[in-house]
Amino acid sequence: GCGFIILLLTGTLLYTTIAGGHDGVS
C-alpha cells in the first residue's frame, strides 16, 4: 500500500521533471 502511493506520486514527479510542465503533485 505504501509502495503503491510512493510509486504513483514519485512516478508523476519524475515524468514531469523529464517532460516538463506542472506536475500537480508538488
mmCIF file of all heavy atoms, coordinates in Angstrom:
data_MODEL
# 
_entry.id   MODEL 
# 
loop_
_atom_site.group_PDB 
_atom_site.id 
_atom_site.type_symbol 
_atom_site.label_atom_id 
_atom_site.label_alt_id 
_atom_site.label_comp_id 
_atom_site.label_asym_id 
_atom_site.label_entity_id 
_atom_site.label_seq_id 
_atom_site.pdbx_PDB_ins_code 
_atom_site.Cartn_x 
_atom_site.Cartn_y 
_atom_site.Cartn_z 
_atom_site.occupancy 
_atom_site.B_iso_or_equiv 
_atom_site.pdbx_formal_charge 
_atom_site.auth_seq_id 
_atom_site.auth_comp_id 
_atom_site.auth_asym_id 
_atom_site.auth_atom_id 
_atom_site.pdbx_PDB_model_num 
ATOM 1   N N   . GLY A 1 1  ? 0.816  -1.211 0.000   1.00 0.00 ? 1  GLY A N   1 
ATOM 2   C CA  . GLY A 1 1  ? 0.000  0.000  0.000   1.00 0.00 ? 1  GLY A CA  1 
ATOM 3   C C   . GLY A 1 1  ? 0.852  1.265  0.000   1.00 0.00 ? 1  GLY A C   1 
ATOM 4   O O   . GLY A 1 1  ? 0.645  2.175  -0.804  1.00 0.00 ? 1  GLY A O   1 
ATOM 5   N N   . CYS A 1 2  ? 1.834  1.307  0.915   1.00 0.00 ? 2  CYS A N   1 
ATOM 6   C CA  . CYS A 1 2  ? 2.753  2.452  0.955   1.00 0.00 ? 2  CYS A CA  1 
ATOM 7   C C   . CYS A 1 2  ? 3.561  2.546  -0.335  1.00 0.00 ? 2  CYS A C   1 
ATOM 8   O O   . CYS A 1 2  ? 3.755  3.634  -0.885  1.00 0.00 ? 2  CYS A O   1 
ATOM 9   C CB  . CYS A 1 2  ? 3.690  2.331  2.150   1.00 0.00 ? 2  CYS A CB  1 
ATOM 10  S SG  . CYS A 1 2  ? 2.899  2.520  3.758   1.00 0.00 ? 2  CYS A SG  1 
ATOM 11  N N   . GLY A 1 3  ? 4.028  1.384  -0.824  1.00 0.00 ? 3  GLY A N   1 
ATOM 12  C CA  . GLY A 1 3  ? 4.817  1.367  -2.049  1.00 0.00 ? 3  GLY A CA  1 
ATOM 13  C C   . GLY A 1 3  ? 4.046  1.870  -3.247  1.00 0.00 ? 3  GLY A C   1 
ATOM 14  O O   . GLY A 1 3  ? 4.585  2.595  -4.095  1.00 0.00 ? 3  GLY A O   1 
ATOM 15  N N   . PHE A 1 4  ? 2.763  1.514  -3.328  1.00 0.00 ? 4  PHE A N   1 
ATOM 16  C CA  . PHE A 1 4  ? 1.939  1.972  -4.447  1.00 0.00 ? 4  PHE A CA  1 
ATOM 17  C C   . PHE A 1 4  ? 1.791  3.488  -4.444  1.00 0.00 ? 4  PHE A C   1 
ATOM 18  O O   . PHE A 1 4  ? 1.915  4.145  -5.491  1.00 0.00 ? 4  PHE A O   1 
ATOM 19  C CB  . PHE A 1 4  ? 0.555  1.314  -4.378  1.00 0.00 ? 4  PHE A CB  1 
ATOM 20  C CG  . PHE A 1 4  ? -0.412 1.826  -5.413  1.00 0.00 ? 4  PHE A CG  1 
ATOM 21  C CD1 . PHE A 1 4  ? -0.319 1.411  -6.730  1.00 0.00 ? 4  PHE A CD1 1 
ATOM 22  C CD2 . PHE A 1 4  ? -1.400 2.737  -5.072  1.00 0.00 ? 4  PHE A CD2 1 
ATOM 23  C CE1 . PHE A 1 4  ? -1.199 1.889  -7.694  1.00 0.00 ? 4  PHE A CE1 1 
ATOM 24  C CE2 . PHE A 1 4  ? -2.289 3.222  -6.017  1.00 0.00 ? 4  PHE A CE2 1 
ATOM 25  C CZ  . PHE A 1 4  ? -2.191 2.795  -7.339  1.00 0.00 ? 4  PHE A CZ  1 
ATOM 26  N N   . ILE A 1 5  ? 1.523  4.047  -3.269  1.00 0.00 ? 5  ILE A N   1 
ATOM 27  C CA  . ILE A 1 5  ? 1.377  5.510  -3.169  1.00 0.00 ? 5  ILE A CA  1 
ATOM 28  C C   . ILE A 1 5  ? 2.682  6.203  -3.547  1.00 0.00 ? 5  ILE A C   1 
ATOM 29  O O   . ILE A 1 5  ? 2.686  7.197  -4.286  1.00 0.00 ? 5  ILE A O   1 
ATOM 30  C CB  . ILE A 1 5  ? 0.938  5.911  -1.749  1.00 0.00 ? 5  ILE A CB  1 
ATOM 31  C CG1 . ILE A 1 5  ? -0.448 5.360  -1.443  1.00 0.00 ? 5  ILE A CG1 1 
ATOM 32  C CG2 . ILE A 1 5  ? 0.948  7.434  -1.588  1.00 0.00 ? 5  ILE A CG2 1 
ATOM 33  C CD1 . ILE A 1 5  ? -0.871 5.507  0.009   1.00 0.00 ? 5  ILE A CD1 1 
ATOM 34  N N   . ILE A 1 6  ? 3.805  5.666  -3.051  1.00 0.00 ? 6  ILE A N   1 
ATOM 35  C CA  . ILE A 1 6  ? 5.112  6.253  -3.361  1.00 0.00 ? 6  ILE A CA  1 
ATOM 36  C C   . ILE A 1 6  ? 5.379  6.217  -4.859  1.00 0.00 ? 6  ILE A C   1 
ATOM 37  O O   . ILE A 1 6  ? 5.788  7.215  -5.465  1.00 0.00 ? 6  ILE A O   1 
ATOM 38  C CB  . ILE A 1 6  ? 6.227  5.518  -2.599  1.00 0.00 ? 6  ILE A CB  1 
ATOM 39  C CG1 . ILE A 1 6  ? 6.108  5.770  -1.099  1.00 0.00 ? 6  ILE A CG1 1 
ATOM 40  C CG2 . ILE A 1 6  ? 7.608  5.971  -3.085  1.00 0.00 ? 6  ILE A CG2 1 
ATOM 41  C CD1 . ILE A 1 6  ? 6.994  4.878  -0.254  1.00 0.00 ? 6  ILE A CD1 1 
ATOM 42  N N   . LEU A 1 7  ? 5.143  5.058  -5.485  1.00 0.00 ? 7  LEU A N   1 
ATOM 43  C CA  . LEU A 1 7  ? 5.392  4.928  -6.926  1.00 0.00 ? 7  LEU A CA  1 
ATOM 44  C C   . LEU A 1 7  ? 4.478  5.829  -7.741  1.00 0.00 ? 7  LEU A C   1 
ATOM 45  O O   . LEU A 1 7  ? 4.906  6.425  -8.735  1.00 0.00 ? 7  LEU A O   1 
ATOM 46  C CB  . LEU A 1 7  ? 5.213  3.473  -7.359  1.00 0.00 ? 7  LEU A CB  1 
ATOM 47  C CG  . LEU A 1 7  ? 6.366  2.523  -7.043  1.00 0.00 ? 7  LEU A CG  1 
ATOM 48  C CD1 . LEU A 1 7  ? 6.005  1.107  -7.466  1.00 0.00 ? 7  LEU A CD1 1 
ATOM 49  C CD2 . LEU A 1 7  ? 7.649  2.963  -7.741  1.00 0.00 ? 7  LEU A CD2 1 
ATOM 50  N N   . LEU A 1 8  ? 3.228  5.928  -7.344  1.00 0.00 ? 8  LEU A N   1 
ATOM 51  C CA  . LEU A 1 8  ? 2.269  6.764  -8.078  1.00 0.00 ? 8  LEU A CA  1 
ATOM 52  C C   . LEU A 1 8  ? 2.684  8.231  -8.061  1.00 0.00 ? 8  LEU A C   1 
ATOM 53  O O   . LEU A 1 8  ? 2.763  8.887  -9.108  1.00 0.00 ? 8  LEU A O   1 
ATOM 54  C CB  . LEU A 1 8  ? 0.872  6.603  -7.470  1.00 0.00 ? 8  LEU A CB  1 
ATOM 55  C CG  . LEU A 1 8  ? -0.250 7.417  -8.116  1.00 0.00 ? 8  LEU A CG  1 
ATOM 56  C CD1 . LEU A 1 8  ? -0.482 6.955  -9.553  1.00 0.00 ? 8  LEU A CD1 1 
ATOM 57  C CD2 . LEU A 1 8  ? -1.539 7.293  -7.300  1.00 0.00 ? 8  LEU A CD2 1 
ATOM 58  N N   . LEU A 1 9  ? 2.985  8.745  -6.868  1.00 0.00 ? 9  LEU A N   1 
ATOM 59  C CA  . LEU A 1 9  ? 3.343  10.154 -6.748  1.00 0.00 ? 9  LEU A CA  1 
ATOM 60  C C   . LEU A 1 9  ? 4.730  10.439 -7.320  1.00 0.00 ? 9  LEU A C   1 
ATOM 61  O O   . LEU A 1 9  ? 4.935  11.420 -8.043  1.00 0.00 ? 9  LEU A O   1 
ATOM 62  C CB  . LEU A 1 9  ? 3.274  10.591 -5.278  1.00 0.00 ? 9  LEU A CB  1 
ATOM 63  C CG  . LEU A 1 9  ? 1.892  10.502 -4.620  1.00 0.00 ? 9  LEU A CG  1 
ATOM 64  C CD1 . LEU A 1 9  ? 1.968  10.958 -3.166  1.00 0.00 ? 9  LEU A CD1 1 
ATOM 65  C CD2 . LEU A 1 9  ? 0.878  11.357 -5.373  1.00 0.00 ? 9  LEU A CD2 1 
ATOM 66  N N   . THR A 1 10 ? 5.687  9.561  -7.007  1.00 0.00 ? 10 THR A N   1 
ATOM 67  C CA  . THR A 1 10 ? 7.053  9.768  -7.486  1.00 0.00 ? 10 THR A CA  1 
ATOM 68  C C   . THR A 1 10 ? 7.137  9.610  -8.999  1.00 0.00 ? 10 THR A C   1 
ATOM 69  O O   . THR A 1 10 ? 7.863  10.352 -9.669  1.00 0.00 ? 10 THR A O   1 
ATOM 70  C CB  . THR A 1 10 ? 8.017  8.784  -6.806  1.00 0.00 ? 10 THR A CB  1 
ATOM 71  O OG1 . THR A 1 10 ? 7.890  8.900  -5.388  1.00 0.00 ? 10 THR A OG1 1 
ATOM 72  C CG2 . THR A 1 10 ? 9.459  9.079  -7.201  1.00 0.00 ? 10 THR A CG2 1 
ATOM 73  N N   . GLY A 1 11 ? 6.398  8.651  -9.542  1.00 0.00 ? 11 GLY A N   1 
ATOM 74  C CA  . GLY A 1 11 ? 6.374  8.464  -10.992 1.00 0.00 ? 11 GLY A CA  1 
ATOM 75  C C   . GLY A 1 11 ? 5.861  9.704  -11.710 1.00 0.00 ? 11 GLY A C   1 
ATOM 76  O O   . GLY A 1 11 ? 6.405  10.113 -12.747 1.00 0.00 ? 11 GLY A O   1 
ATOM 77  N N   . THR A 1 12 ? 4.824  10.329 -11.155 1.00 0.00 ? 12 THR A N   1 
ATOM 78  C CA  . THR A 1 12 ? 4.292  11.561 -11.734 1.00 0.00 ? 12 THR A CA  1 
ATOM 79  C C   . THR A 1 12 ? 5.323  12.683 -11.680 1.00 0.00 ? 12 THR A C   1 
ATOM 80  O O   . THR A 1 12 ? 5.521  13.423 -12.656 1.00 0.00 ? 12 THR A O   1 
ATOM 81  C CB  . THR A 1 12 ? 3.014  11.995 -10.988 1.00 0.00 ? 12 THR A CB  1 
ATOM 82  O OG1 . THR A 1 12 ? 2.057  10.935 -11.028 1.00 0.00 ? 12 THR A OG1 1 
ATOM 83  C CG2 . THR A 1 12 ? 2.414  13.240 -11.614 1.00 0.00 ? 12 THR A CG2 1 
ATOM 84  N N   . LEU A 1 13 ? 6.005  12.800 -10.543 1.00 0.00 ? 13 LEU A N   1 
ATOM 85  C CA  . LEU A 1 13 ? 7.026  13.837 -10.386 1.00 0.00 ? 13 LEU A CA  1 
ATOM 86  C C   . LEU A 1 13 ? 8.187  13.618 -11.345 1.00 0.00 ? 13 LEU A C   1 
ATOM 87  O O   . LEU A 1 13 ? 8.685  14.564 -11.967 1.00 0.00 ? 13 LEU A O   1 
ATOM 88  C CB  . LEU A 1 13 ? 7.529  13.845 -8.943  1.00 0.00 ? 13 LEU A CB  1 
ATOM 89  C CG  . LEU A 1 13 ? 6.548  14.359 -7.881  1.00 0.00 ? 13 LEU A CG  1 
ATOM 90  C CD1 . LEU A 1 13 ? 7.003  13.953 -6.489  1.00 0.00 ? 13 LEU A CD1 1 
ATOM 91  C CD2 . LEU A 1 13 ? 6.395  15.864 -7.979  1.00 0.00 ? 13 LEU A CD2 1 
ATOM 92  N N   . LEU A 1 14 ? 8.636  12.368 -11.489 1.00 0.00 ? 14 LEU A N   1 
ATOM 93  C CA  . LEU A 1 14 ? 9.740  12.069 -12.405 1.00 0.00 ? 14 LEU A CA  1 
ATOM 94  C C   . LEU A 1 14 ? 9.356  12.347 -13.852 1.00 0.00 ? 14 LEU A C   1 
ATOM 95  O O   . LEU A 1 14 ? 10.148 12.887 -14.628 1.00 0.00 ? 14 LEU A O   1 
ATOM 96  C CB  . LEU A 1 14 ? 10.166 10.613 -12.254 1.00 0.00 ? 14 LEU A CB  1 
ATOM 97  C CG  . LEU A 1 14 ? 11.186 10.296 -11.162 1.00 0.00 ? 14 LEU A CG  1 
ATOM 98  C CD1 . LEU A 1 14 ? 11.371 8.794  -11.025 1.00 0.00 ? 14 LEU A CD1 1 
ATOM 99  C CD2 . LEU A 1 14 ? 12.525 10.979 -11.456 1.00 0.00 ? 14 LEU A CD2 1 
ATOM 100 N N   . TYR A 1 15 ? 8.131  11.976 -14.208 1.00 0.00 ? 15 TYR A N   1 
ATOM 101 C CA  . TYR A 1 15 ? 7.679  12.187 -15.582 1.00 0.00 ? 15 TYR A CA  1 
ATOM 102 C C   . TYR A 1 15 ? 7.668  13.677 -15.944 1.00 0.00 ? 15 TYR A C   1 
ATOM 103 O O   . TYR A 1 15 ? 8.164  14.078 -17.002 1.00 0.00 ? 15 TYR A O   1 
ATOM 104 C CB  . TYR A 1 15 ? 6.286  11.598 -15.785 1.00 0.00 ? 15 TYR A CB  1 
ATOM 105 C CG  . TYR A 1 15 ? 5.706  11.914 -17.148 1.00 0.00 ? 15 TYR A CG  1 
ATOM 106 C CD1 . TYR A 1 15 ? 6.111  11.207 -18.274 1.00 0.00 ? 15 TYR A CD1 1 
ATOM 107 C CD2 . TYR A 1 15 ? 4.773  12.937 -17.309 1.00 0.00 ? 15 TYR A CD2 1 
ATOM 108 C CE1 . TYR A 1 15 ? 5.598  11.507 -19.530 1.00 0.00 ? 15 TYR A CE1 1 
ATOM 109 C CE2 . TYR A 1 15 ? 4.251  13.243 -18.550 1.00 0.00 ? 15 TYR A CE2 1 
ATOM 110 C CZ  . TYR A 1 15 ? 4.673  12.524 -19.657 1.00 0.00 ? 15 TYR A CZ  1 
ATOM 111 O OH  . TYR A 1 15 ? 4.163  12.836 -20.898 1.00 0.00 ? 15 TYR A OH  1 
ATOM 112 N N   . THR A 1 16 ? 7.115  14.494 -15.048 1.00 0.00 ? 16 THR A N   1 
ATOM 113 C CA  . THR A 1 16 ? 7.044  15.926 -15.349 1.00 0.00 ? 16 THR A CA  1 
ATOM 114 C C   . THR A 1 16 ? 8.426  16.578 -15.281 1.00 0.00 ? 16 THR A C   1 
ATOM 115 O O   . THR A 1 16 ? 8.665  17.580 -15.948 1.00 0.00 ? 16 THR A O   1 
ATOM 116 C CB  . THR A 1 16 ? 6.091  16.637 -14.382 1.00 0.00 ? 16 THR A CB  1 
ATOM 117 O OG1 . THR A 1 16 ? 6.439  16.312 -13.034 1.00 0.00 ? 16 THR A OG1 1 
ATOM 118 C CG2 . THR A 1 16 ? 4.668  16.240 -14.637 1.00 0.00 ? 16 THR A CG2 1 
ATOM 119 N N   . THR A 1 17 ? 9.335  16.011 -14.489 1.00 0.00 ? 17 THR A N   1 
ATOM 120 C CA  . THR A 1 17 ? 10.704 16.517 -14.467 1.00 0.00 ? 17 THR A CA  1 
ATOM 121 C C   . THR A 1 17 ? 11.369 16.287 -15.821 1.00 0.00 ? 17 THR A C   1 
ATOM 122 O O   . THR A 1 17 ? 12.094 17.154 -16.336 1.00 0.00 ? 17 THR A O   1 
ATOM 123 C CB  . THR A 1 17 ? 11.535 15.819 -13.368 1.00 0.00 ? 17 THR A CB  1 
ATOM 124 O OG1 . THR A 1 17 ? 10.953 16.107 -12.093 1.00 0.00 ? 17 THR A OG1 1 
ATOM 125 C CG2 . THR A 1 17 ? 12.979 16.306 -13.374 1.00 0.00 ? 17 THR A CG2 1 
ATOM 126 N N   . ILE A 1 18 ? 11.120 15.122 -16.415 1.00 0.00 ? 18 ILE A N   1 
ATOM 127 C CA  . ILE A 1 18 ? 11.710 14.797 -17.717 1.00 0.00 ? 18 ILE A CA  1 
ATOM 128 C C   . ILE A 1 18 ? 10.981 15.507 -18.850 1.00 0.00 ? 18 ILE A C   1 
ATOM 129 O O   . ILE A 1 18 ? 11.608 16.098 -19.743 1.00 0.00 ? 18 ILE A O   1 
ATOM 130 C CB  . ILE A 1 18 ? 11.685 13.269 -17.944 1.00 0.00 ? 18 ILE A CB  1 
ATOM 131 C CG1 . ILE A 1 18 ? 12.557 12.562 -16.898 1.00 0.00 ? 18 ILE A CG1 1 
ATOM 132 C CG2 . ILE A 1 18 ? 12.161 12.918 -19.359 1.00 0.00 ? 18 ILE A CG2 1 
ATOM 133 C CD1 . ILE A 1 18 ? 12.392 11.057 -16.870 1.00 0.00 ? 18 ILE A CD1 1 
ATOM 134 N N   . ALA A 1 19 ? 9.642  15.466 -18.817 1.00 0.00 ? 19 ALA A N   1 
ATOM 135 C CA  . ALA A 1 19 ? 8.840  16.005 -19.924 1.00 0.00 ? 19 ALA A CA  1 
ATOM 136 C C   . ALA A 1 19 ? 8.618  17.505 -19.812 1.00 0.00 ? 19 ALA A C   1 
ATOM 137 O O   . ALA A 1 19 ? 8.316  18.174 -20.806 1.00 0.00 ? 19 ALA A O   1 
ATOM 138 C CB  . ALA A 1 19 ? 7.498  15.277 -19.990 1.00 0.00 ? 19 ALA A CB  1 
ATOM 139 N N   . GLY A 1 20 ? 8.750  18.028 -18.587 1.00 0.00 ? 20 GLY A N   1 
ATOM 140 C CA  . GLY A 1 20 ? 8.488  19.444 -18.368 1.00 0.00 ? 20 GLY A CA  1 
ATOM 141 C C   . GLY A 1 20 ? 7.022  19.678 -18.023 1.00 0.00 ? 20 GLY A C   1 
ATOM 142 O O   . GLY A 1 20 ? 6.170  18.796 -18.155 1.00 0.00 ? 20 GLY A O   1 
ATOM 143 N N   . GLY A 1 21 ? 6.724  20.878 -17.572 1.00 0.00 ? 21 GLY A N   1 
ATOM 144 C CA  . GLY A 1 21 ? 5.355  21.226 -17.228 1.00 0.00 ? 21 GLY A CA  1 
ATOM 145 C C   . GLY A 1 21 ? 5.094  21.108 -15.740 1.00 0.00 ? 21 GLY A C   1 
ATOM 146 O O   . GLY A 1 21 ? 5.979  20.781 -14.946 1.00 0.00 ? 21 GLY A O   1 
ATOM 147 N N   . HIS A 1 22 ? 3.835  21.350 -15.356 1.00 0.00 ? 22 HIS A N   1 
ATOM 148 C CA  . HIS A 1 22 ? 3.442  21.324 -13.951 1.00 0.00 ? 22 HIS A CA  1 
ATOM 149 C C   . HIS A 1 22 ? 2.967  19.924 -13.592 1.00 0.00 ? 22 HIS A C   1 
ATOM 150 O O   . HIS A 1 22 ? 2.161  19.326 -14.309 1.00 0.00 ? 22 HIS A O   1 
ATOM 151 C CB  . HIS A 1 22 ? 2.334  22.344 -13.695 1.00 0.00 ? 22 HIS A CB  1 
ATOM 152 C CG  . HIS A 1 22 ? 1.856  22.384 -12.284 1.00 0.00 ? 22 HIS A CG  1 
ATOM 153 N ND1 . HIS A 1 22 ? 2.672  22.753 -11.233 1.00 0.00 ? 22 HIS A ND1 1 
ATOM 154 C CD2 . HIS A 1 22 ? 0.649  22.083 -11.743 1.00 0.00 ? 22 HIS A CD2 1 
ATOM 155 C CE1 . HIS A 1 22 ? 1.988  22.698 -10.111 1.00 0.00 ? 22 HIS A CE1 1 
ATOM 156 N NE2 . HIS A 1 22 ? 0.754  22.297 -10.388 1.00 0.00 ? 22 HIS A NE2 1 
ATOM 157 N N   . ASP A 1 23 ? 3.451  19.386 -12.475 1.00 0.00 ? 23 ASP A N   1 
ATOM 158 C CA  . ASP A 1 23 ? 3.123  18.011 -12.123 1.00 0.00 ? 23 ASP A CA  1 
ATOM 159 C C   . ASP A 1 23 ? 1.811  17.876 -11.354 1.00 0.00 ? 23 ASP A C   1 
ATOM 160 O O   . ASP A 1 23 ? 1.164  16.845 -11.403 1.00 0.00 ? 23 ASP A O   1 
ATOM 161 C CB  . ASP A 1 23 ? 4.254  17.390 -11.287 1.00 0.00 ? 23 ASP A CB  1 
ATOM 162 C CG  . ASP A 1 23 ? 4.611  18.231 -10.079 1.00 0.00 ? 23 ASP A CG  1 
ATOM 163 O OD1 . ASP A 1 23 ? 3.800  18.327 -9.156  1.00 0.00 ? 23 ASP A OD1 1 
ATOM 164 O OD2 . ASP A 1 23 ? 5.727  18.782 -10.056 1.00 0.00 ? 23 ASP A OD2 1 
ATOM 165 N N   . GLY A 1 24 ? 1.389  18.912 -10.642 1.00 0.00 ? 24 GLY A N   1 
ATOM 166 C CA  . GLY A 1 24 ? 0.160  18.841 -9.875  1.00 0.00 ? 24 GLY A CA  1 
ATOM 167 C C   . GLY A 1 24 ? 0.306  18.136 -8.543  1.00 0.00 ? 24 GLY A C   1 
ATOM 168 O O   . GLY A 1 24 ? -0.554 18.245 -7.668  1.00 0.00 ? 24 GLY A O   1 
ATOM 169 N N   . VAL A 1 25 ? 1.402  17.390 -8.363  1.00 0.00 ? 25 VAL A N   1 
ATOM 170 C CA  . VAL A 1 25 ? 1.619  16.636 -7.131  1.00 0.00 ? 25 VAL A CA  1 
ATOM 171 C C   . VAL A 1 25 ? 2.299  17.501 -6.081  1.00 0.00 ? 25 VAL A C   1 
ATOM 172 O O   . VAL A 1 25 ? 1.927  17.473 -4.902  1.00 0.00 ? 25 VAL A O   1 
ATOM 173 C CB  . VAL A 1 25 ? 2.470  15.373 -7.412  1.00 0.00 ? 25 VAL A CB  1 
ATOM 174 C CG1 . VAL A 1 25 ? 2.845  14.679 -6.104  1.00 0.00 ? 25 VAL A CG1 1 
ATOM 175 C CG2 . VAL A 1 25 ? 1.713  14.428 -8.326  1.00 0.00 ? 25 VAL A CG2 1 
ATOM 176 N N   . SER A 1 26 ? 3.303  18.274 -6.505  1.00 0.00 ? 26 SER A N   1 
ATOM 177 C CA  . SER A 1 26 ? 4.075  19.072 -5.551  1.00 0.00 ? 26 SER A CA  1 
ATOM 178 C C   . SER A 1 26 ? 3.234  20.149 -4.869  1.00 0.00 ? 26 SER A C   1 
ATOM 179 O O   . SER A 1 26 ? 3.615  20.659 -3.812  1.00 0.00 ? 26 SER A O   1 
ATOM 180 C CB  . SER A 1 26 ? 5.282  19.713 -6.248  1.00 0.00 ? 26 SER A CB  1 
ATOM 181 O OG  . SER A 1 26 ? 4.880  20.439 -7.382  1.00 0.00 ? 26 SER A OG  1 
# 
